[in-house]
Protein backbone atom coordinates (compact mmCIF):
# COMPACT_ATOMS: atom_id res chain seq x y z
CA MET A 1 32.43 325.16 -43.06
CA ALA A 2 31.70 321.59 -41.88
CA ASP A 3 34.04 320.35 -44.62
CA HIS A 4 36.74 322.64 -43.27
CA LYS A 5 36.59 320.90 -39.89
CA GLN A 6 37.56 317.50 -41.36
CA PHE A 7 40.07 319.21 -43.61
CA LEU A 8 41.75 320.87 -40.60
CA ILE A 9 41.77 317.65 -38.58
CA GLY A 10 43.84 316.12 -41.39
CA ALA A 11 46.09 319.21 -41.51
CA TYR A 12 46.80 318.95 -37.78
CA LYS A 13 47.63 315.25 -38.17
CA ALA A 14 50.10 316.09 -40.95
CA LEU A 15 51.63 318.86 -38.84
CA ASN A 16 51.95 316.61 -35.79
CA SER A 17 53.70 313.94 -37.85
CA GLY A 18 56.10 316.48 -39.40
CA LYS A 19 55.00 315.66 -42.96
CA ILE A 20 55.77 318.96 -44.62
CA ASP A 21 54.67 317.83 -48.10
CA ALA A 22 51.31 316.75 -46.69
CA ILE A 23 50.96 320.08 -44.92
CA LEU A 24 51.80 322.00 -48.11
CA ALA A 25 49.19 319.97 -50.00
CA VAL A 26 46.47 321.70 -47.96
CA MET A 27 48.02 325.18 -48.24
CA HIS A 28 47.18 327.72 -50.91
CA ALA A 29 50.22 328.71 -53.00
CA GLU A 30 49.94 332.21 -51.46
CA VAL A 31 49.65 330.91 -47.89
CA ASP A 32 50.18 333.57 -45.22
CA TRP A 33 51.34 332.06 -41.90
CA PRO A 34 52.55 333.56 -38.61
CA ASN A 35 56.22 333.20 -37.73
CA ALA A 36 55.77 331.92 -34.18
CA LEU A 37 59.53 331.67 -33.55
CA GLY A 38 60.31 335.16 -34.74
CA ARG A 39 58.11 338.00 -35.79
CA GLY A 40 56.25 338.74 -38.93
CA ARG A 41 54.68 336.37 -41.42
CA ILE A 42 55.72 333.53 -43.70
CA GLN A 43 54.30 333.77 -47.23
CA GLY A 44 54.17 331.18 -49.99
CA HIS A 45 55.05 327.49 -50.18
CA GLN A 46 58.83 327.91 -50.38
CA ALA A 47 59.00 330.11 -47.28
CA PHE A 48 56.56 327.83 -45.45
CA ARG A 49 58.71 324.77 -46.21
CA ALA A 50 61.90 326.51 -45.03
CA TYR A 51 60.18 327.74 -41.85
CA TRP A 52 58.78 324.33 -40.88
CA THR A 53 61.98 322.49 -41.78
CA ALA A 54 63.92 324.79 -39.46
CA GLN A 55 61.29 324.68 -36.74
CA LEU A 56 60.99 320.89 -36.71
CA GLY A 57 64.77 320.68 -36.38
CA ARG A 58 64.59 322.60 -33.09
CA ILE A 59 61.32 321.50 -31.52
CA GLN A 60 58.63 318.89 -31.64
CA MET A 61 55.04 319.99 -31.52
CA LEU A 62 51.78 318.23 -30.81
CA VAL A 63 48.67 320.26 -31.54
CA GLU A 64 45.38 318.60 -30.57
CA PRO A 65 42.25 320.38 -31.82
CA LYS A 66 39.58 320.51 -29.10
CA ARG A 67 36.87 322.80 -30.43
CA PHE A 68 35.91 324.16 -33.85
CA MET A 69 33.89 327.36 -34.31
CA VAL A 70 32.73 329.33 -37.32
CA GLU A 71 33.31 333.06 -37.01
CA ASP A 72 32.27 335.13 -40.01
CA ASP A 73 34.26 333.60 -42.88
CA LEU A 74 36.85 331.97 -40.61
CA MET A 75 37.19 328.55 -39.02
CA VAL A 76 38.51 329.04 -35.50
CA VAL A 77 40.13 326.12 -33.67
CA GLU A 78 40.87 325.92 -29.97
CA ALA A 79 43.69 323.45 -29.49
CA ARG A 80 46.07 322.08 -26.86
CA GLN A 81 49.63 322.75 -28.00
CA THR A 82 52.55 320.92 -26.43
CA VAL A 83 56.05 321.91 -27.51
CA THR A 84 59.13 319.91 -26.52
CA ASP A 85 62.81 320.21 -27.27
CA PRO A 86 64.63 317.34 -29.06
CA SER A 87 65.36 315.64 -25.72
CA GLY A 88 61.68 315.66 -24.73
CA VAL A 89 61.73 318.53 -22.23
CA VAL A 90 58.36 320.33 -22.31
CA LEU A 91 58.86 323.96 -23.35
CA ALA A 92 55.17 324.88 -23.53
CA ASN A 93 51.83 323.24 -22.84
CA ARG A 94 48.95 325.63 -23.43
CA LEU A 95 45.65 326.26 -25.09
CA VAL A 96 45.88 328.23 -28.31
CA GLN A 97 43.38 329.55 -30.79
CA HIS A 98 44.02 329.38 -34.53
CA ALA A 99 41.87 331.31 -37.01
CA PHE A 100 41.94 329.93 -40.56
CA ALA A 101 40.87 331.62 -43.78
CA PHE A 102 40.41 329.57 -46.94
CA LYS A 103 40.76 330.29 -50.64
CA ASP A 104 40.02 327.82 -53.44
CA GLY A 105 39.39 325.13 -50.80
CA LEU A 106 42.88 325.48 -49.30
CA ILE A 107 44.29 327.22 -46.23
CA LYS A 108 45.13 330.79 -47.27
CA ARG A 109 45.91 332.35 -43.89
CA MET A 110 46.29 331.36 -40.26
CA ASP A 111 46.43 333.68 -37.28
CA ILE A 112 47.25 332.81 -33.68
CA ARG A 113 44.99 334.49 -31.15
CA PRO A 114 45.62 334.92 -27.44
CA MET A 115 43.37 333.01 -25.10
């Protein structure tokens, strides 16, 4: 799981910079991701790309990992998440917890947990 920590640090950097191709490079082809703007889940690379393209057109997000924990077969990350609109107005600034599952060395699933 120590390798997963460095892996996730890179994934957060790609997410923060809006580099969707770099984000997809660390995602399993069958990635299962929460739809934070709506309800339900996003599944697979094509849906993930469409989701993030739409999301990054409406908001900017900075997610700063603060703490990494191993929980069973998951890597859990506590992070500071700051969301702004295109003009820079802060919409949210909160601590979040992300639980990651891996398959074949790639992110297979992520869940957002309440803190």
